[in-house]
Amino acid sequence: MRKILLALTALTALTGAANADVVNNLTISALPNPVPQSSSNPCIICGTNAAGQPGNFGYNNFTSNGNLTSYDMFSTNIIGGGVLANGDQVDAVPYSGTLLRTILQSLGDNSLKFGVAIDINTAQNQETLQTFQLIDLSLPAGQRVIFDINGPIALPDTANGNGKGDYLISGFDLSNVNPGDNLIFRASWSGASDGAESFYIVPILTAVPEVSTWAMMILGFLGVGTLAMRKNRGAGHPFRFTST
């Protein structure tokens, strides 16, 4: 038993290191299906114009300044892209719980679970994520950060330039968010130079097994049941029929 436990512990450590780093209640990993930055929408914090942005969903179109290496940016629900100063939370216009749910449903996601993708753009080949949060301003002070990932977490630029997304922050769930709650996102990172980062929402779609998959599963269950019946009969099971 001890050897089995040690083996399971080692396997868990290996798979965890390969797939993602879990910090607090969010997970960050490589983006499985990256898309071009021009299709990175709905954007919440972007240092560039977000093409294809939904007409009812605003974002922070912040200005990337080559003289700044550290950013602490907040989303803002200003249609067409609002511009907030670095660290400006006061002027951020929140999203309502209803609006975020509507956006997820428009993306084909009815689970209320989603992720936030990051497109890293830097001349230094790596940036460092300090924190990423979803903040509910409707809650009492001290309880407003409802989802949080804390760094520092090194993020090498895997698709340099105005290319595709690099990473996915997973674990967001709106199940306990009220429709009228006021929500804003916060992203803090360092090591920035040139380029402009993009943070955008990615739906977490639950795959439905195909008909062929269901058929194979049913056949598998039938096979297991048949094997169990044969074993029971061979062991003198009380339901075994004998001739008289």
C-alpha atoms as a PDB file:
ATOM      1  CA  MET A   1       0.000   0.000   0.000  1.00  0.00           C
ATOM      2  CA  ARG A   2       2.827   2.411   0.848  1.00  0.00           C
ATOM      3  CA  LYS A   3       4.419   1.829  -2.562  1.00  0.00           C
ATOM      4  CA  ILE A   4       1.083   2.521  -4.278  1.00  0.00           C
ATOM      5  CA  LEU A   5       0.637   5.774  -2.362  1.00  0.00           C
ATOM      6  CA  LEU A   6       4.172   6.882  -3.213  1.00  0.00           C
ATOM      7  CA  ALA A   7       3.589   6.094  -6.884  1.00  0.00           C
ATOM      8  CA  LEU A   8       0.324   8.056  -6.926  1.00  0.00           C
ATOM      9  CA  THR A   9       2.026  11.007  -5.226  1.00  0.00           C
ATOM     10  CA  ALA A  10       4.827  11.019  -7.792  1.00  0.00           C
ATOM     11  CA  LEU A  11       2.341  10.771 -10.690  1.00  0.00           C
ATOM     12  CA  THR A  12       0.285  13.662  -9.319  1.00  0.00           C
ATOM     13  CA  ALA A  13       3.399  15.821  -9.002  1.00  0.00           C
ATOM     14  CA  LEU A  14       4.456  15.082 -12.563  1.00  0.00           C
ATOM     15  CA  THR A  15       1.061  15.696 -14.151  1.00  0.00           C
ATOM     16  CA  GLY A  16       0.550  18.856 -12.111  1.00  0.00           C
ATOM     17  CA  ALA A  17       3.882  20.285 -13.220  1.00  0.00           C
ATOM     18  CA  ALA A  18       3.176  19.453 -16.828  1.00  0.00           C
ATOM     19  CA  ASN A  19      -0.360  20.832 -17.024  1.00  0.00           C
ATOM     20  CA  ALA A  20      -0.759  23.861 -14.785  1.00  0.00           C
ATOM     21  CA  ASP A  21       0.246  25.761 -11.678  1.00  0.00           C
ATOM     22  CA  VAL A  22      -2.623  26.052  -9.200  1.00  0.00           C
ATOM     23  CA  VAL A  23      -2.577  29.225  -7.095  1.00  0.00           C
ATOM     24  CA  ASN A  24      -5.534  29.960  -4.779  1.00  0.00           C
ATOM     25  CA  ASN A  25      -8.744  29.167  -6.658  1.00  0.00           C
ATOM     26  CA  LEU A  26      -7.601  29.777 -10.231  1.00  0.00           C
ATOM     27  CA  THR A  27      -5.363  27.807 -12.577  1.00  0.00           C
ATOM     28  CA  ILE A  28      -2.994  29.097 -15.259  1.00  0.00           C
ATOM     29  CA  SER A  29      -1.796  26.923 -18.124  1.00  0.00           C
ATOM     30  CA  ALA A  30      -0.901  27.068 -21.792  1.00  0.00           C
ATOM     31  CA  LEU A  31      -3.826  28.219 -23.949  1.00  0.00           C
ATOM     32  CA  PRO A  32      -5.054  25.022 -25.666  1.00  0.00           C
ATOM     33  CA  ASN A  33      -6.662  26.673 -28.707  1.00  0.00           C
ATOM     34  CA  PRO A  34      -4.956  30.028 -29.341  1.00  0.00           C
ATOM     35  CA  VAL A  35      -6.569  32.449 -31.765  1.00  0.00           C
ATOM     36  CA  PRO A  36      -5.095  35.515 -33.523  1.00  0.00           C
ATOM     37  CA  GLN A  37      -5.148  38.709 -31.475  1.00  0.00           C
ATOM     38  CA  SER A  38      -7.515  40.219 -34.041  1.00  0.00           C
ATOM     39  CA  SER A  39     -10.069  37.597 -32.927  1.00  0.00           C
ATOM     40  CA  SER A  40      -9.333  37.958 -29.208  1.00  0.00           C
ATOM     41  CA  ASN A  41     -12.776  38.990 -28.033  1.00  0.00           C
ATOM     42  CA  PRO A  42     -14.650  39.705 -25.916  1.00  0.00           C
ATOM     43  CA  CYS A  43     -11.704  41.673 -24.609  1.00  0.00           C
ATOM     44  CA  ILE A  44     -11.700  43.035 -21.038  1.00  0.00           C
ATOM     45  CA  ILE A  45      -8.233  44.645 -20.826  1.00  0.00           C
ATOM     46  CA  CYS A  46      -6.364  45.290 -24.069  1.00  0.00           C
ATOM     47  CA  GLY A  47      -3.600  47.599 -25.145  1.00  0.00           C
ATOM     48  CA  THR A  48      -4.968  47.638 -28.671  1.00  0.00           C
ATOM     49  CA  ASN A  49      -8.275  48.009 -30.461  1.00  0.00           C
ATOM     50  CA  ALA A  50     -10.301  44.807 -30.091  1.00  0.00           C
ATOM     51  CA  ALA A  51     -11.682  43.824 -33.469  1.00  0.00           C
ATOM     52  CA  GLY A  52     -15.023  42.043 -33.357  1.00  0.00           C
ATOM     53  CA  GLN A  53     -15.805  43.244 -29.831  1.00  0.00           C
ATOM     54  CA  PRO A  54     -19.505  42.723 -28.944  1.00  0.00           C
ATOM     55  CA  GLY A  55     -21.452  45.943 -29.320  1.00  0.00           C
ATOM     56  CA  ASN A  56     -22.853  45.751 -25.781  1.00  0.00           C
ATOM     57  CA  PHE A  57     -19.585  44.913 -24.018  1.00  0.00           C
ATOM     58  CA  GLY A  58     -16.938  47.505 -23.128  1.00  0.00           C
ATOM     59  CA  TYR A  59     -13.271  47.084 -22.266  1.00  0.00           C
ATOM     60  CA  ASN A  60     -10.192  48.971 -21.127  1.00  0.00           C
ATOM     61  CA  ASN A  61      -8.287  50.022 -24.228  1.00  0.00           C
ATOM     62  CA  PHE A  62      -5.235  51.088 -22.239  1.00  0.00           C
ATOM     63  CA  THR A  63      -2.228  52.829 -23.764  1.00  0.00           C
ATOM     64  CA  SER A  64       0.945  50.747 -23.847  1.00  0.00           C
ATOM     65  CA  ASN A  65       3.822  53.010 -22.856  1.00  0.00           C
ATOM     66  CA  GLY A  66       7.365  51.888 -23.624  1.00  0.00           C
ATOM     67  CA  ASN A  67       8.568  53.796 -20.549  1.00  0.00           C
ATOM     68  CA  LEU A  68       6.457  51.610 -18.226  1.00  0.00           C
ATOM     69  CA  THR A  69       7.533  48.129 -17.244  1.00  0.00           C
ATOM     70  CA  SER A  70       4.802  47.422 -14.676  1.00  0.00           C
ATOM     71  CA  TYR A  71       1.039  47.675 -15.112  1.00  0.00           C
ATOM     72  CA  ASP A  72      -1.908  47.422 -12.736  1.00  0.00           C
ATOM     73  CA  MET A  73      -4.953  47.655 -14.993  1.00  0.00           C
ATOM     74  CA  PHE A  74      -8.722  47.339 -14.452  1.00  0.00           C
ATOM     75  CA  SER A  75     -11.465  46.474 -16.912  1.00  0.00           C
ATOM     76  CA  THR A  76     -14.085  49.104 -17.694  1.00  0.00           C
ATOM     77  CA  ASN A  77     -17.429  48.622 -19.393  1.00  0.00           C
ATOM     78  CA  ILE A  78     -17.123  51.548 -21.805  1.00  0.00           C
ATOM     79  CA  ILE A  79     -18.447  50.618 -25.237  1.00  0.00           C
ATOM     80  CA  GLY A  80     -15.808  50.996 -27.927  1.00  0.00           C
ATOM     81  CA  GLY A  81     -12.975  50.856 -25.405  1.00  0.00           C
ATOM     82  CA  GLY A  82     -12.382  53.176 -22.470  1.00  0.00           C
ATOM     83  CA  VAL A  83      -8.951  54.396 -21.443  1.00  0.00           C
ATOM     84  CA  LEU A  84      -7.935  54.137 -17.783  1.00  0.00           C
ATOM     85  CA  ALA A  85      -4.696  55.338 -16.258  1.00  0.00           C
ATOM     86  CA  ASN A  86      -2.360  52.775 -14.751  1.00  0.00           C
ATOM     87  CA  GLY A  87      -3.776  51.711 -11.371  1.00  0.00           C
ATOM     88  CA  ASP A  88      -7.065  53.599 -11.862  1.00  0.00           C
ATOM     89  CA  GLN A  89      -9.902  51.623 -10.281  1.00  0.00           C
ATOM     90  CA  VAL A  90     -12.028  54.618  -9.336  1.00  0.00           C
ATOM     91  CA  ASP A  91     -13.094  55.379 -12.914  1.00  0.00           C
ATOM     92  CA  ALA A  92     -13.667  51.739 -13.877  1.00  0.00           C
ATOM     93  CA  VAL A  93     -17.245  51.051 -15.042  1.00  0.00           C
ATOM     94  CA  PRO A  94     -18.290  47.590 -13.793  1.00  0.00           C
ATOM     95  CA  TYR A  95     -20.021  44.780 -15.654  1.00  0.00           C
ATOM     96  CA  SER A  96     -23.268  43.474 -14.208  1.00  0.00           C
ATOM     97  CA  GLY A  97     -23.673  39.799 -13.420  1.00  0.00           C
ATOM     98  CA  THR A  98     -26.424  39.717 -16.043  1.00  0.00           C
ATOM     99  CA  LEU A  99     -24.157  41.161 -18.741  1.00  0.00           C
ATOM    100  CA  LEU A 100     -21.371  38.637 -18.108  1.00  0.00           C
ATOM    101  CA  ARG A 101     -23.897  35.800 -18.220  1.00  0.00           C
ATOM    102  CA  THR A 102     -25.360  37.164 -21.456  1.00  0.00           C
ATOM    103  CA  ILE A 103     -21.909  37.365 -23.036  1.00  0.00           C
ATOM    104  CA  LEU A 104     -21.099  33.783 -22.037  1.00  0.00           C
ATOM    105  CA  GLN A 105     -24.394  32.549 -23.469  1.00  0.00           C
ATOM    106  CA  SER A 106     -23.717  34.409 -26.722  1.00  0.00           C
ATOM    107  CA  LEU A 107     -20.457  32.436 -26.924  1.00  0.00           C
ATOM    108  CA  GLY A 108     -22.392  29.198 -26.542  1.00  0.00           C
ATOM    109  CA  ASP A 109     -21.553  28.682 -22.861  1.00  0.00           C
ATOM    110  CA  ASN A 110     -24.505  27.996 -20.541  1.00  0.00           C
ATOM    111  CA  SER A 111     -22.395  26.601 -17.696  1.00  0.00           C
ATOM    112  CA  LEU A 112     -21.487  30.052 -16.241  1.00  0.00           C
ATOM    113  CA  LYS A 113     -17.858  28.889 -16.161  1.00  0.00           C
ATOM    114  CA  PHE A 114     -15.171  30.614 -18.204  1.00  0.00           C
ATOM    115  CA  GLY A 115     -11.497  31.420 -18.500  1.00  0.00           C
ATOM    116  CA  VAL A 116      -9.444  34.506 -19.333  1.00  0.00           C
ATOM    117  CA  ALA A 117      -6.796  34.193 -22.047  1.00  0.00           C
ATOM    118  CA  ILE A 118      -3.600  36.259 -22.066  1.00  0.00           C
ATOM    119  CA  ASP A 119      -1.728  37.366 -25.160  1.00  0.00           C
ATOM    120  CA  ILE A 120       1.823  38.266 -24.095  1.00  0.00           C
ATOM    121  CA  ASN A 121       3.646  40.847 -26.221  1.00  0.00           C
ATOM    122  CA  THR A 122       7.127  41.857 -25.103  1.00  0.00           C
ATOM    123  CA  ALA A 123      10.587  42.398 -26.532  1.00  0.00           C
ATOM    124  CA  GLN A 124      12.114  40.639 -23.516  1.00  0.00           C
ATOM    125  CA  ASN A 125      10.569  37.211 -24.309  1.00  0.00           C
ATOM    126  CA  GLN A 126       8.973  36.989 -20.862  1.00  0.00           C
ATOM    127  CA  GLU A 127       6.699  38.885 -18.505  1.00  0.00           C
ATOM    128  CA  THR A 128       5.638  38.173 -14.932  1.00  0.00           C
ATOM    129  CA  LEU A 129       2.010  38.002 -13.827  1.00  0.00           C
ATOM    130  CA  GLN A 130       1.698  39.474 -10.351  1.00  0.00           C
ATOM    131  CA  THR A 131      -2.032  38.985  -9.874  1.00  0.00           C
ATOM    132  CA  PHE A 132      -5.301  38.547 -11.720  1.00  0.00           C
ATOM    133  CA  GLN A 133      -8.630  39.062  -9.951  1.00  0.00           C
ATOM    134  CA  LEU A 134     -12.361  39.212 -10.439  1.00  0.00           C
ATOM    135  CA  ILE A 135     -13.745  41.778  -7.992  1.00  0.00           C
ATOM    136  CA  ASP A 136     -17.397  42.059  -6.897  1.00  0.00           C
ATOM    137  CA  LEU A 137     -17.950  45.657  -5.829  1.00  0.00           C
ATOM    138  CA  SER A 138     -21.398  44.762  -4.447  1.00  0.00           C
ATOM    139  CA  LEU A 139     -19.867  42.816  -1.563  1.00  0.00           C
ATOM    140  CA  PRO A 140     -18.626  44.336   1.723  1.00  0.00           C
ATOM    141  CA  ALA A 141     -15.073  45.686   1.792  1.00  0.00           C
ATOM    142  CA  GLY A 142     -12.609  42.906   2.493  1.00  0.00           C
ATOM    143  CA  GLN A 143     -14.777  40.312   0.713  1.00  0.00           C
ATOM    144  CA  ARG A 144     -14.825  41.740  -2.796  1.00  0.00           C
ATOM    145  CA  VAL A 145     -12.100  39.651  -4.445  1.00  0.00           C
ATOM    146  CA  ILE A 146     -14.060  36.543  -5.420  1.00  0.00           C
ATOM    147  CA  PHE A 147     -11.475  34.963  -7.748  1.00  0.00           C
ATOM    148  CA  ASP A 148      -7.760  35.470  -7.421  1.00  0.00           C
ATOM    149  CA  ILE A 149      -4.454  34.166  -8.717  1.00  0.00           C
ATOM    150  CA  ASN A 150      -1.294  35.486  -7.082  1.00  0.00           C
ATOM    151  CA  GLY A 151       2.219  35.498  -8.481  1.00  0.00           C
ATOM    152  CA  PRO A 152       4.832  36.125  -9.289  1.00  0.00           C
ATOM    153  CA  ILE A 153       4.299  33.707 -12.191  1.00  0.00           C
ATOM    154  CA  ALA A 154       6.792  33.817 -15.073  1.00  0.00           C
ATOM    155  CA  LEU A 155       5.067  33.888 -18.473  1.00  0.00           C
ATOM    156  CA  PRO A 156       7.434  33.333 -21.413  1.00  0.00           C
ATOM    157  CA  ASP A 157       6.156  34.776 -24.676  1.00  0.00           C
ATOM    158  CA  THR A 158       5.329  31.652 -26.673  1.00  0.00           C
ATOM    159  CA  ALA A 159       3.823  33.538 -29.645  1.00  0.00           C
ATOM    160  CA  ASN A 160       5.776  36.778 -29.891  1.00  0.00           C
ATOM    161  CA  GLY A 161       4.408  39.829 -31.634  1.00  0.00           C
ATOM    162  CA  ASN A 162       0.829  40.696 -32.495  1.00  0.00           C
ATOM    163  CA  GLY A 163       0.087  37.012 -32.818  1.00  0.00           C
ATOM    164  CA  LYS A 164      -1.875  34.485 -30.817  1.00  0.00           C
ATOM    165  CA  GLY A 165      -2.763  34.056 -27.174  1.00  0.00           C
ATOM    166  CA  ASP A 166      -0.309  32.332 -24.872  1.00  0.00           C
ATOM    167  CA  TYR A 167      -1.967  31.405 -21.562  1.00  0.00           C
ATOM    168  CA  LEU A 168      -5.364  30.598 -20.051  1.00  0.00           C
ATOM    169  CA  ILE A 169      -6.506  31.439 -16.522  1.00  0.00           C
ATOM    170  CA  SER A 170      -9.263  28.970 -15.633  1.00  0.00           C
ATOM    171  CA  GLY A 171     -11.661  28.545 -12.724  1.00  0.00           C
ATOM    172  CA  PHE A 172     -14.097  31.451 -13.007  1.00  0.00           C
ATOM    173  CA  ASP A 173     -17.691  30.553 -12.147  1.00  0.00           C
ATOM    174  CA  LEU A 174     -20.666  32.918 -12.000  1.00  0.00           C
ATOM    175  CA  SER A 175     -22.989  30.455 -10.256  1.00  0.00           C
ATOM    176  CA  ASN A 176     -22.869  32.413  -6.990  1.00  0.00           C
ATOM    177  CA  VAL A 177     -22.880  35.868  -8.608  1.00  0.00           C
ATOM    178  CA  ASN A 178     -26.157  37.794  -8.473  1.00  0.00           C
ATOM    179  CA  PRO A 179     -27.524  39.314 -11.696  1.00  0.00           C
ATOM    180  CA  GLY A 180     -27.230  42.851 -10.305  1.00  0.00           C
ATOM    181  CA  ASP A 181     -23.712  42.517  -8.879  1.00  0.00           C
ATOM    182  CA  ASN A 182     -21.071  44.975 -10.121  1.00  0.00           C
ATOM    183  CA  LEU A 183     -17.936  43.224 -11.366  1.00  0.00           C
ATOM    184  CA  ILE A 184     -14.526  44.362 -12.591  1.00  0.00           C
ATOM    185  CA  PHE A 185     -11.351  42.487 -13.557  1.00  0.00           C
ATOM    186  CA  ARG A 186      -7.856  43.429 -12.436  1.00  0.00           C
ATOM    187  CA  ALA A 187      -4.568  42.429 -14.075  1.00  0.00           C
ATOM    188  CA  SER A 188      -1.147  43.275 -12.681  1.00  0.00           C
ATOM    189  CA  TRP A 189       2.063  42.338 -14.481  1.00  0.00           C
ATOM    190  CA  SER A 190       5.699  43.375 -14.716  1.00  0.00           C
ATOM    191  CA  GLY A 191       8.581  42.986 -17.150  1.00  0.00           C
ATOM    192  CA  ALA A 192       6.641  44.736 -19.912  1.00  0.00           C
ATOM    193  CA  SER A 193       8.436  46.324 -22.859  1.00  0.00           C
ATOM    194  CA  ASP A 194       7.001  47.331 -26.214  1.00  0.00           C
ATOM    195  CA  GLY A 195       3.968  45.379 -27.388  1.00  0.00           C
ATOM    196  CA  ALA A 196       0.525  45.477 -25.819  1.00  0.00           C
ATOM    197  CA  GLU A 197      -1.059  42.725 -23.758  1.00  0.00           C
ATOM    198  CA  SER A 198      -4.591  41.405 -24.258  1.00  0.00           C
ATOM    199  CA  PHE A 199      -6.844  39.778 -21.663  1.00  0.00           C
ATOM    200  CA  TYR A 200     -10.029  38.315 -23.101  1.00  0.00           C
ATOM    201  CA  ILE A 201     -12.830  35.947 -22.072  1.00  0.00           C
ATOM    202  CA  VAL A 202     -12.813  32.342 -23.278  1.00  0.00           C
ATOM    203  CA  PRO A 203     -15.893  30.126 -22.755  1.00  0.00           C
ATOM    204  CA  ILE A 204     -15.427  26.724 -21.139  1.00  0.00           C
ATOM    205  CA  LEU A 205     -17.616  24.516 -23.321  1.00  0.00           C
ATOM    206  CA  THR A 206     -18.586  21.057 -22.088  1.00  0.00           C
ATOM    207  CA  ALA A 207     -18.131  18.482 -24.813  1.00  0.00           C
ATOM    208  CA  VAL A 208     -21.071  16.135 -25.468  1.00  0.00           C
ATOM    209  CA  PRO A 209     -20.072  12.547 -26.383  1.00  0.00           C
ATOM    210  CA  GLU A 210     -20.827  11.583 -29.965  1.00  0.00           C
ATOM    211  CA  VAL A 211     -23.273   8.777 -30.767  1.00  0.00           C
ATOM    212  CA  SER A 212     -20.421   6.387 -31.550  1.00  0.00           C
ATOM    213  CA  THR A 213     -18.854   7.156 -28.164  1.00  0.00           C
ATOM    214  CA  TRP A 214     -22.110   6.439 -26.348  1.00  0.00           C
ATOM    215  CA  ALA A 215     -22.433   3.141 -28.273  1.00  0.00           C
ATOM    216  CA  MET A 216     -18.941   2.035 -27.239  1.00  0.00           C
ATOM    217  CA  MET A 217     -19.656   2.959 -23.607  1.00  0.00           C
ATOM    218  CA  ILE A 218     -22.895   0.923 -23.585  1.00  0.00           C
ATOM    219  CA  LEU A 219     -21.158  -2.076 -25.167  1.00  0.00           C
ATOM    220  CA  GLY A 220     -18.446  -1.775 -22.524  1.00  0.00           C
ATOM    221  CA  PHE A 221     -20.989  -1.831 -19.695  1.00  0.00           C
ATOM    222  CA  LEU A 222     -22.747  -4.840 -21.250  1.00  0.00           C
ATOM    223  CA  GLY A 223     -19.435  -6.648 -21.557  1.00  0.00           C
ATOM    224  CA  VAL A 224     -18.575  -6.033 -17.894  1.00  0.00           C
ATOM    225  CA  GLY A 225     -22.031  -7.232 -16.832  1.00  0.00           C
ATOM    226  CA  THR A 226     -21.768 -10.414 -18.899  1.00  0.00           C
ATOM    227  CA  LEU A 227     -18.342 -11.205 -17.468  1.00  0.00           C
ATOM    228  CA  ALA A 228     -19.618 -10.707 -13.912  1.00  0.00           C
ATOM    229  CA  MET A 229     -22.562 -13.075 -14.539  1.00  0.00           C
ATOM    230  CA  ARG A 230     -20.224 -15.763 -15.874  1.00  0.00           C
ATOM    231  CA  LYS A 231     -17.984 -15.474 -12.824  1.00  0.00           C
ATOM    232  CA  ASN A 232     -20.930 -15.726 -10.461  1.00  0.00           C
ATOM    233  CA  ARG A 233     -22.253 -18.839 -12.201  1.00  0.00           C
ATOM    234  CA  GLY A 234     -18.860 -20.476 -12.192  1.00  0.00           C
ATOM    235  CA  ALA A 235     -18.470 -19.853  -8.446  1.00  0.00           C
ATOM    236  CA  GLY A 236     -21.701 -21.614  -7.543  1.00  0.00           C
ATOM    237  CA  HIS A 237     -23.802 -18.454  -7.289  1.00  0.00           C
ATOM    238  CA  PRO A 238     -27.277 -19.180  -5.783  1.00  0.00           C
ATOM    239  CA  PHE A 239     -28.870 -18.029  -9.067  1.00  0.00           C
ATOM    240  CA  ARG A 240     -27.071 -20.680 -11.066  1.00  0.00           C
ATOM    241  CA  PHE A 241     -29.534 -23.084 -12.732  1.00  0.00           C
ATOM    242  CA  THR A 242     -28.919 -26.822 -12.398  1.00  0.00           C
ATOM    243  CA  SER A 243     -30.778 -29.710 -13.882  1.00  0.00           C
ATOM    244  CA  THR A 244     -32.658 -32.184 -11.678  1.00  0.00           C
END
